[in-house]
PDB file of all heavy atoms in Angstrom:
ATOM      1  N   MET A   1      18.211  15.688   6.377  1.00  0.00           N
ATOM      2  CA  MET A   1      18.081  14.806   5.219  1.00  0.00           C
ATOM      3  C   MET A   1      17.479  13.474   5.635  1.00  0.00           C
ATOM      4  O   MET A   1      17.450  13.150   6.810  1.00  0.00           O
ATOM      5  CB  MET A   1      19.433  14.610   4.530  1.00  0.00           C
ATOM      6  CG  MET A   1      20.508  14.045   5.416  1.00  0.00           C
ATOM      7  SD  MET A   1      22.135  14.071   4.636  1.00  0.00           S
ATOM      8  CE  MET A   1      22.546  15.809   4.723  1.00  0.00           C
ATOM      9  N   ASP A   2      16.988  12.772   4.632  1.00  0.00           N
ATOM     10  CA  ASP A   2      16.462  11.430   4.896  1.00  0.00           C
ATOM     11  C   ASP A   2      17.488  10.410   4.439  1.00  0.00           C
ATOM     12  O   ASP A   2      18.242  10.645   3.500  1.00  0.00           O
ATOM     13  CB  ASP A   2      15.136  11.220   4.160  1.00  0.00           C
ATOM     14  CG  ASP A   2      15.307  11.143   2.657  1.00  0.00           C
ATOM     15  OD1 ASP A   2      15.345  12.204   2.005  1.00  0.00           O
ATOM     16  OD2 ASP A   2      15.397  10.017   2.123  1.00  0.00           O
ATOM     17  N   ILE A   3      17.516   9.305   5.141  1.00  0.00           N
ATOM     18  CA  ILE A   3      18.296   8.135   4.716  1.00  0.00           C
ATOM     19  C   ILE A   3      17.262   7.033   4.565  1.00  0.00           C
ATOM     20  O   ILE A   3      16.702   6.561   5.544  1.00  0.00           O
ATOM     21  CB  ILE A   3      19.374   7.784   5.755  1.00  0.00           C
ATOM     22  CG1 ILE A   3      20.379   8.933   5.870  1.00  0.00           C
ATOM     23  CG2 ILE A   3      20.059   6.473   5.387  1.00  0.00           C
ATOM     24  CD1 ILE A   3      21.457   8.707   6.917  1.00  0.00           C
ATOM     25  N   THR A   4      16.987   6.669   3.320  1.00  0.00           N
ATOM     26  CA  THR A   4      15.888   5.750   3.021  1.00  0.00           C
ATOM     27  C   THR A   4      16.422   4.407   2.521  1.00  0.00           C
ATOM     28  O   THR A   4      16.796   4.304   1.343  1.00  0.00           O
ATOM     29  CB  THR A   4      14.943   6.382   1.973  1.00  0.00           C
ATOM     30  OG1 THR A   4      14.484   7.645   2.465  1.00  0.00           O
ATOM     31  CG2 THR A   4      13.762   5.488   1.684  1.00  0.00           C
ATOM     32  N   PRO A   5      16.492   3.408   3.388  1.00  0.00           N
ATOM     33  CA  PRO A   5      16.929   2.083   2.936  1.00  0.00           C
ATOM     34  C   PRO A   5      16.043   1.593   1.783  1.00  0.00           C
ATOM     35  O   PRO A   5      14.815   1.683   1.854  1.00  0.00           O
ATOM     36  CB  PRO A   5      16.770   1.203   4.177  1.00  0.00           C
ATOM     37  CG  PRO A   5      16.899   2.163   5.329  1.00  0.00           C
ATOM     38  CD  PRO A   5      16.222   3.414   4.840  1.00  0.00           C
ATOM     39  N   VAL A   6      16.678   1.105   0.735  1.00  0.00           N
ATOM     40  CA  VAL A   6      15.958   0.764  -0.489  1.00  0.00           C
ATOM     41  C   VAL A   6      14.892  -0.306  -0.263  1.00  0.00           C
ATOM     42  O   VAL A   6      13.807  -0.229  -0.860  1.00  0.00           O
ATOM     43  CB  VAL A   6      16.951   0.360  -1.610  1.00  0.00           C
ATOM     44  CG1 VAL A   6      17.716  -0.910  -1.256  1.00  0.00           C
ATOM     45  CG2 VAL A   6      16.270   0.257  -2.952  1.00  0.00           C
ATOM     46  N   ASP A   7      15.137  -1.274   0.621  1.00  0.00           N
ATOM     47  CA  ASP A   7      14.137  -2.312   0.849  1.00  0.00           C
ATOM     48  C   ASP A   7      12.930  -1.771   1.628  1.00  0.00           C
ATOM     49  O   ASP A   7      11.793  -2.168   1.386  1.00  0.00           O
ATOM     50  CB  ASP A   7      14.733  -3.542   1.537  1.00  0.00           C
ATOM     51  CG  ASP A   7      15.463  -3.222   2.825  1.00  0.00           C
ATOM     52  OD1 ASP A   7      15.890  -2.068   3.030  1.00  0.00           O
ATOM     53  OD2 ASP A   7      15.647  -4.150   3.649  1.00  0.00           O
ATOM     54  N   ALA A   8      13.190  -0.829   2.548  1.00  0.00           N
ATOM     55  CA  ALA A   8      12.070  -0.193   3.277  1.00  0.00           C
ATOM     56  C   ALA A   8      11.230   0.630   2.311  1.00  0.00           C
ATOM     57  O   ALA A   8       9.999   0.632   2.381  1.00  0.00           O
ATOM     58  CB  ALA A   8      12.602   0.669   4.417  1.00  0.00           C
ATOM     59  N   CYS A   9      11.902   1.312   1.386  1.00  0.00           N
ATOM     60  CA  CYS A   9      11.179   2.108   0.385  1.00  0.00           C
ATOM     61  C   CYS A   9      10.299   1.208  -0.479  1.00  0.00           C
ATOM     62  O   CYS A   9       9.144   1.532  -0.745  1.00  0.00           O
ATOM     63  CB  CYS A   9      12.190   2.862  -0.494  1.00  0.00           C
ATOM     64  SG  CYS A   9      11.429   3.952  -1.702  1.00  0.00           S
ATOM     65  N   ALA A  10      10.826   0.053  -0.879  1.00  0.00           N
ATOM     66  CA  ALA A  10      10.044  -0.892  -1.698  1.00  0.00           C
ATOM     67  C   ALA A  10       8.823  -1.388  -0.935  1.00  0.00           C
ATOM     68  O   ALA A  10       7.724  -1.463  -1.503  1.00  0.00           O
ATOM     69  CB  ALA A  10      10.935  -2.066  -2.114  1.00  0.00           C
ATOM     70  N   ARG A  11       8.997  -1.705   0.373  1.00  0.00           N
ATOM     71  CA  ARG A  11       7.847  -2.163   1.173  1.00  0.00           C
ATOM     72  C   ARG A  11       6.795  -1.053   1.303  1.00  0.00           C
ATOM     73  O   ARG A  11       5.596  -1.334   1.246  1.00  0.00           O
ATOM     74  CB  ARG A  11       8.309  -2.614   2.566  1.00  0.00           C
ATOM     75  CG  ARG A  11       8.990  -3.976   2.563  1.00  0.00           C
ATOM     76  CD  ARG A  11       9.113  -4.565   3.958  1.00  0.00           C
ATOM     77  NE  ARG A  11       9.798  -3.692   4.892  1.00  0.00           N
ATOM     78  CZ  ARG A  11      11.127  -3.628   5.028  1.00  0.00           C
ATOM     79  NH1 ARG A  11      11.910  -4.374   4.271  1.00  0.00           N
ATOM     80  NH2 ARG A  11      11.678  -2.804   5.903  1.00  0.00           N
ATOM     81  N   ALA A  12       7.244   0.186   1.469  1.00  0.00           N
ATOM     82  CA  ALA A  12       6.301   1.312   1.562  1.00  0.00           C
ATOM     83  C   ALA A  12       5.521   1.471   0.265  1.00  0.00           C
ATOM     84  O   ALA A  12       4.306   1.681   0.282  1.00  0.00           O
ATOM     85  CB  ALA A  12       7.060   2.595   1.901  1.00  0.00           C
ATOM     86  N   MET A  13       6.216   1.357  -0.861  1.00  0.00           N
ATOM     87  CA  MET A  13       5.550   1.491  -2.153  1.00  0.00           C
ATOM     88  C   MET A  13       4.523   0.374  -2.377  1.00  0.00           C
ATOM     89  O   MET A  13       3.434   0.621  -2.905  1.00  0.00           O
ATOM     90  CB  MET A  13       6.590   1.521  -3.276  1.00  0.00           C
ATOM     91  CG  MET A  13       7.403   2.811  -3.286  1.00  0.00           C
ATOM     92  SD  MET A  13       8.884   2.774  -4.308  1.00  0.00           S
ATOM     93  CE  MET A  13       8.187   2.619  -5.931  1.00  0.00           C
ATOM     94  N   LEU A  14       4.865  -0.839  -1.954  1.00  0.00           N
ATOM     95  CA  LEU A  14       3.911  -1.952  -2.072  1.00  0.00           C
ATOM     96  C   LEU A  14       2.673  -1.704  -1.211  1.00  0.00           C
ATOM     97  O   LEU A  14       1.555  -1.961  -1.643  1.00  0.00           O
ATOM     98  CB  LEU A  14       4.583  -3.271  -1.669  1.00  0.00           C
ATOM     99  CG  LEU A  14       5.563  -3.859  -2.684  1.00  0.00           C
ATOM    100  CD1 LEU A  14       6.316  -5.029  -2.082  1.00  0.00           C
ATOM    101  CD2 LEU A  14       4.835  -4.277  -3.966  1.00  0.00           C
ATOM    102  N   ALA A  15       2.896  -1.183  -0.008  1.00  0.00           N
ATOM    103  CA  ALA A  15       1.769  -0.888   0.885  1.00  0.00           C
ATOM    104  C   ALA A  15       0.874   0.185   0.280  1.00  0.00           C
ATOM    105  O   ALA A  15      -0.358   0.072   0.304  1.00  0.00           O
ATOM    106  CB  ALA A  15       2.289  -0.445   2.257  1.00  0.00           C
ATOM    107  N   LEU A  16       1.464   1.211  -0.295  1.00  0.00           N
ATOM    108  CA  LEU A  16       0.682   2.295  -0.905  1.00  0.00           C
ATOM    109  C   LEU A  16      -0.016   1.813  -2.176  1.00  0.00           C
ATOM    110  O   LEU A  16      -1.137   2.203  -2.462  1.00  0.00           O
ATOM    111  CB  LEU A  16       1.590   3.487  -1.215  1.00  0.00           C
ATOM    112  CG  LEU A  16       2.167   4.216   0.000  1.00  0.00           C
ATOM    113  CD1 LEU A  16       3.323   5.111  -0.406  1.00  0.00           C
ATOM    114  CD2 LEU A  16       1.090   5.025   0.708  1.00  0.00           C
ATOM    115  N   GLY A  17       0.662   0.952  -2.925  1.00  0.00           N
ATOM    116  CA  GLY A  17       0.095   0.450  -4.172  1.00  0.00           C
ATOM    117  C   GLY A  17      -1.067  -0.501  -3.959  1.00  0.00           C
ATOM    118  O   GLY A  17      -1.893  -0.692  -4.850  1.00  0.00           O
ATOM    119  N   ALA A  18      -1.130  -1.086  -2.751  1.00  0.00           N
ATOM    120  CA  ALA A  18      -2.208  -2.039  -2.459  1.00  0.00           C
ATOM    121  C   ALA A  18      -3.552  -1.352  -2.261  1.00  0.00           C
ATOM    122  O   ALA A  18      -4.597  -2.012  -2.294  1.00  0.00           O
ATOM    123  CB  ALA A  18      -1.851  -2.849  -1.209  1.00  0.00           C
ATOM    124  N   MET A  19      -3.544  -0.044  -2.040  1.00  0.00           N
ATOM    125  CA  MET A  19      -4.805   0.681  -1.848  1.00  0.00           C
ATOM    126  C   MET A  19      -5.532   0.777  -3.196  1.00  0.00           C
ATOM    127  O   MET A  19      -4.966   1.253  -4.171  1.00  0.00           O
ATOM    128  CB  MET A  19      -4.532   2.066  -1.290  1.00  0.00           C
ATOM    129  CG  MET A  19      -3.877   2.034   0.069  1.00  0.00           C
ATOM    130  SD  MET A  19      -3.353   3.676   0.559  1.00  0.00           S
ATOM    131  CE  MET A  19      -2.278   3.260   1.923  1.00  0.00           C
ATOM    132  N   LEU A  20      -6.767   0.340  -3.222  1.00  0.00           N
ATOM    133  CA  LEU A  20      -7.492   0.253  -4.494  1.00  0.00           C
ATOM    134  C   LEU A  20      -7.765   1.618  -5.102  1.00  0.00           C
ATOM    135  O   LEU A  20      -7.475   1.856  -6.249  1.00  0.00           O
ATOM    136  CB  LEU A  20      -8.794  -0.525  -4.294  1.00  0.00           C
ATOM    137  CG  LEU A  20      -8.616  -2.001  -3.939  1.00  0.00           C
ATOM    138  CD1 LEU A  20      -9.965  -2.632  -3.640  1.00  0.00           C
ATOM    139  CD2 LEU A  20      -7.914  -2.740  -5.073  1.00  0.00           C
ATOM    140  N   LYS A  21      -8.340   2.515  -4.320  1.00  0.00           N
ATOM    141  CA  LYS A  21      -8.676   3.842  -4.852  1.00  0.00           C
ATOM    142  C   LYS A  21      -7.973   4.894  -4.001  1.00  0.00           C
ATOM    143  O   LYS A  21      -8.491   5.289  -2.962  1.00  0.00           O
ATOM    144  CB  LYS A  21     -10.191   4.053  -4.816  1.00  0.00           C
ATOM    145  CG  LYS A  21     -10.959   3.130  -5.721  1.00  0.00           C
ATOM    146  CD  LYS A  21     -11.186   3.769  -7.059  1.00  0.00           C
ATOM    147  CE  LYS A  21     -12.067   2.880  -7.916  1.00  0.00           C
ATOM    148  NZ  LYS A  21     -12.293   3.429  -9.225  1.00  0.00           N
ATOM    149  N   PRO A  22      -6.808   5.337  -4.412  1.00  0.00           N
ATOM    150  CA  PRO A  22      -6.080   6.313  -3.590  1.00  0.00           C
ATOM    151  C   PRO A  22      -6.778   7.673  -3.578  1.00  0.00           C
ATOM    152  O   PRO A  22      -7.260   8.145  -4.598  1.00  0.00           O
ATOM    153  CB  PRO A  22      -4.723   6.412  -4.284  1.00  0.00           C
ATOM    154  CG  PRO A  22      -5.003   6.068  -5.704  1.00  0.00           C
ATOM    155  CD  PRO A  22      -6.115   5.063  -5.676  1.00  0.00           C
ATOM    156  N   ARG A  23      -6.850   8.256  -2.386  1.00  0.00           N
ATOM    157  CA  ARG A  23      -7.384   9.613  -2.298  1.00  0.00           C
ATOM    158  C   ARG A  23      -6.366  10.591  -2.898  1.00  0.00           C
ATOM    159  O   ARG A  23      -6.723  11.596  -3.465  1.00  0.00           O
ATOM    160  CB  ARG A  23      -7.662   9.943  -0.818  1.00  0.00           C
ATOM    161  CG  ARG A  23      -8.732  11.002  -0.628  1.00  0.00           C
ATOM    162  CD  ARG A  23      -9.043  11.265   0.829  1.00  0.00           C
ATOM    163  NE  ARG A  23      -8.018  12.068   1.448  1.00  0.00           N
ATOM    164  CZ  ARG A  23      -7.211  11.667   2.436  1.00  0.00           C
ATOM    165  NH1 ARG A  23      -7.317  10.451   2.915  1.00  0.00           N
ATOM    166  NH2 ARG A  23      -6.313  12.468   2.947  1.00  0.00           N
ATOM    167  N   GLN A  24      -5.119  10.255  -2.730  1.00  0.00           N
ATOM    168  CA  GLN A  24      -4.027  11.091  -3.227  1.00  0.00           C
ATOM    169  C   GLN A  24      -3.085  10.198  -4.030  1.00  0.00           C
ATOM    170  O   GLN A  24      -2.429   9.331  -3.465  1.00  0.00           O
ATOM    171  CB  GLN A  24      -3.297  11.723  -2.034  1.00  0.00           C
ATOM    172  CG  GLN A  24      -2.031  12.474  -2.370  1.00  0.00           C
ATOM    173  CD  GLN A  24      -2.238  13.572  -3.377  1.00  0.00           C
ATOM    174  OE1 GLN A  24      -2.068  13.344  -4.567  1.00  0.00           O
ATOM    175  NE2 GLN A  24      -2.608  14.746  -2.942  1.00  0.00           N
ATOM    176  N   PRO A  25      -3.015  10.383  -5.359  1.00  0.00           N
ATOM    177  CA  PRO A  25      -2.197   9.475  -6.175  1.00  0.00           C
ATOM    178  C   PRO A  25      -0.690   9.769  -6.141  1.00  0.00           C
ATOM    179  O   PRO A  25       0.089   8.969  -6.607  1.00  0.00           O
ATOM    180  CB  PRO A  25      -2.750   9.682  -7.588  1.00  0.00           C
ATOM    181  CG  PRO A  25      -3.264  11.086  -7.576  1.00  0.00           C
ATOM    182  CD  PRO A  25      -3.760  11.339  -6.182  1.00  0.00           C
ATOM    183  N   ILE A  26      -0.306  10.935  -5.600  1.00  0.00           N
ATOM    184  CA  ILE A  26       1.124  11.287  -5.563  1.00  0.00           C
ATOM    185  C   ILE A  26       1.639  11.097  -4.141  1.00  0.00           C
ATOM    186  O   ILE A  26       1.050  11.582  -3.179  1.00  0.00           O
ATOM    187  CB  ILE A  26       1.348  12.752  -6.010  1.00  0.00           C
ATOM    188  CG1 ILE A  26       0.847  12.941  -7.451  1.00  0.00           C
ATOM    189  CG2 ILE A  26       2.816  13.125  -5.897  1.00  0.00           C
ATOM    190  CD1 ILE A  26       0.886  14.371  -7.938  1.00  0.00           C
ATOM    191  N   HIS A  27       2.748  10.377  -4.028  1.00  0.00           N
ATOM    192  CA  HIS A  27       3.323  10.087  -2.714  1.00  0.00           C
ATOM    193  C   HIS A  27       4.803  10.438  -2.662  1.00  0.00           C
ATOM    194  O   HIS A  27       5.553  10.094  -3.566  1.00  0.00           O
ATOM    195  CB  HIS A  27       3.170   8.591  -2.384  1.00  0.00           C
ATOM    196  CG  HIS A  27       1.760   8.116  -2.420  1.00  0.00           C
ATOM    197  ND1 HIS A  27       0.863   8.376  -1.398  1.00  0.00           N
ATOM    198  CD2 HIS A  27       1.076   7.403  -3.347  1.00  0.00           C
ATOM    199  CE1 HIS A  27      -0.302   7.845  -1.700  1.00  0.00           C
ATOM    200  NE2 HIS A  27      -0.193   7.255  -2.870  1.00  0.00           N
ATOM    201  N   HIS A  28       5.197  11.132  -1.606  1.00  0.00           N
ATOM    202  CA  HIS A  28       6.613  11.327  -1.308  1.00  0.00           C
ATOM    203  C   HIS A  28       7.013  10.181  -0.395  1.00  0.00           C
ATOM    204  O   HIS A  28       6.597  10.133   0.764  1.00  0.00           O
ATOM    205  CB  HIS A  28       6.843  12.682  -0.627  1.00  0.00           C
ATOM    206  CG  HIS A  28       6.711  13.827  -1.569  1.00  0.00           C
ATOM    207  ND1 HIS A  28       5.948  14.922  -1.293  1.00  0.00           N
ATOM    208  CD2 HIS A  28       7.240  14.037  -2.802  1.00  0.00           C
ATOM    209  CE1 HIS A  28       6.011  15.782  -2.306  1.00  0.00           C
ATOM    210  NE2 HIS A  28       6.796  15.258  -3.236  1.00  0.00           N
ATOM    211  N   VAL A  29       7.794   9.259  -0.932  1.00  0.00           N
ATOM    212  CA  VAL A  29       8.151   8.041  -0.206  1.00  0.00           C
ATOM    213  C   VAL A  29       9.594   8.151   0.262  1.00  0.00           C
ATOM    214  O   VAL A  29      10.525   7.894  -0.488  1.00  0.00           O
ATOM    215  CB  VAL A  29       7.955   6.789  -1.084  1.00  0.00           C
ATOM    216  CG1 VAL A  29       8.159   5.519  -0.272  1.00  0.00           C
ATOM    217  CG2 VAL A  29       6.568   6.792  -1.725  1.00  0.00           C
ATOM    218  N   TYR A  30       9.751   8.576   1.507  1.00  0.00           N
ATOM    219  CA  TYR A  30      11.096   8.668   2.094  1.00  0.00           C
ATOM    220  C   TYR A  30      11.000   8.434   3.591  1.00  0.00           C
ATOM    221  O   TYR A  30       9.941   8.578   4.188  1.00  0.00           O
ATOM    222  CB  TYR A  30      11.742  10.017   1.789  1.00  0.00           C
ATOM    223  CG  TYR A  30      11.055  11.226   2.391  1.00  0.00           C
ATOM    224  CD1 TYR A  30      11.342  11.637   3.689  1.00  0.00           C
ATOM    225  CD2 TYR A  30      10.121  11.951   1.664  1.00  0.00           C
ATOM    226  CE1 TYR A  30      10.698  12.740   4.240  1.00  0.00           C
ATOM    227  CE2 TYR A  30       9.489  13.057   2.198  1.00  0.00           C
ATOM    228  CZ  TYR A  30       9.785  13.448   3.486  1.00  0.00           C
ATOM    229  OH  TYR A  30       9.154  14.549   4.032  1.00  0.00           O
ATOM    230  N   ASN A  31      12.132   8.075   4.178  1.00  0.00           N
ATOM    231  CA  ASN A  31      12.192   7.814   5.611  1.00  0.00           C
ATOM    232  C   ASN A  31      11.922   9.105   6.360  1.00  0.00           C
ATOM    233  O   ASN A  31      12.733  10.037   6.326  1.00  0.00           O
ATOM    234  CB  ASN A  31      13.570   7.239   5.971  1.00  0.00           C
ATOM    235  CG  ASN A  31      13.638   6.777   7.412  1.00  0.00           C
ATOM    236  OD1 ASN A  31      12.773   7.058   8.228  1.00  0.00           O
ATOM    237  ND2 ASN A  31      14.700   6.058   7.725  1.00  0.00           N
ATOM    238  N   THR A  32      10.790   9.176   7.027  1.00  0.00           N
ATOM    239  CA  THR A  32      10.416  10.411   7.733  1.00  0.00           C
ATOM    240  C   THR A  32      11.139  10.552   9.071  1.00  0.00           C
ATOM    241  O   THR A  32      10.979  11.566   9.752  1.00  0.00           O
ATOM    242  CB  THR A  32       8.893  10.475   7.944  1.00  0.00           C
ATOM    243  OG1 THR A  32       8.453   9.258   8.550  1.00  0.00           O
ATOM    244  CG2 THR A  32       8.175  10.690   6.618  1.00  0.00           C
ATOM    245  N   ASN A  33      11.955   9.556   9.437  1.00  0.00           N
ATOM    246  CA  ASN A  33      12.847   9.712  10.595  1.00  0.00           C
ATOM    247  C   ASN A  33      14.096  10.444  10.111  1.00  0.00           C
ATOM    248  O   ASN A  33      15.176   9.876  10.001  1.00  0.00           O
ATOM    249  CB  ASN A  33      13.224   8.341  11.176  1.00  0.00           C
ATOM    250  CG  ASN A  33      12.028   7.604  11.718  1.00  0.00           C
ATOM    251  OD1 ASN A  33      11.195   8.167  12.413  1.00  0.00           O
ATOM    252  ND2 ASN A  33      11.922   6.328  11.395  1.00  0.00           N
ATOM    253  N   THR A  34      13.899  11.714   9.744  1.00  0.00           N
ATOM    254  CA  THR A  34      14.999  12.478   9.163  1.00  0.00           C
ATOM    255  C   THR A  34      16.082  12.767  10.203  1.00  0.00           C
ATOM    256  O   THR A  34      15.830  12.693  11.413  1.00  0.00           O
ATOM    257  CB  THR A  34      14.483  13.802   8.556  1.00  0.00           C
ATOM    258  OG1 THR A  34      13.788  14.532   9.572  1.00  0.00           O
ATOM    259  CG2 THR A  34      13.567  13.552   7.378  1.00  0.00           C
TER     260      THR A  34
END
């Protein structure tokens, strides 16, 4: 399982959202250090 700290998830979403033209618009945002 993943344990995804909420603030880390928010930072990841901001980083992904900053990309102007995403090649892939769907993202699985979770701590990959499962």
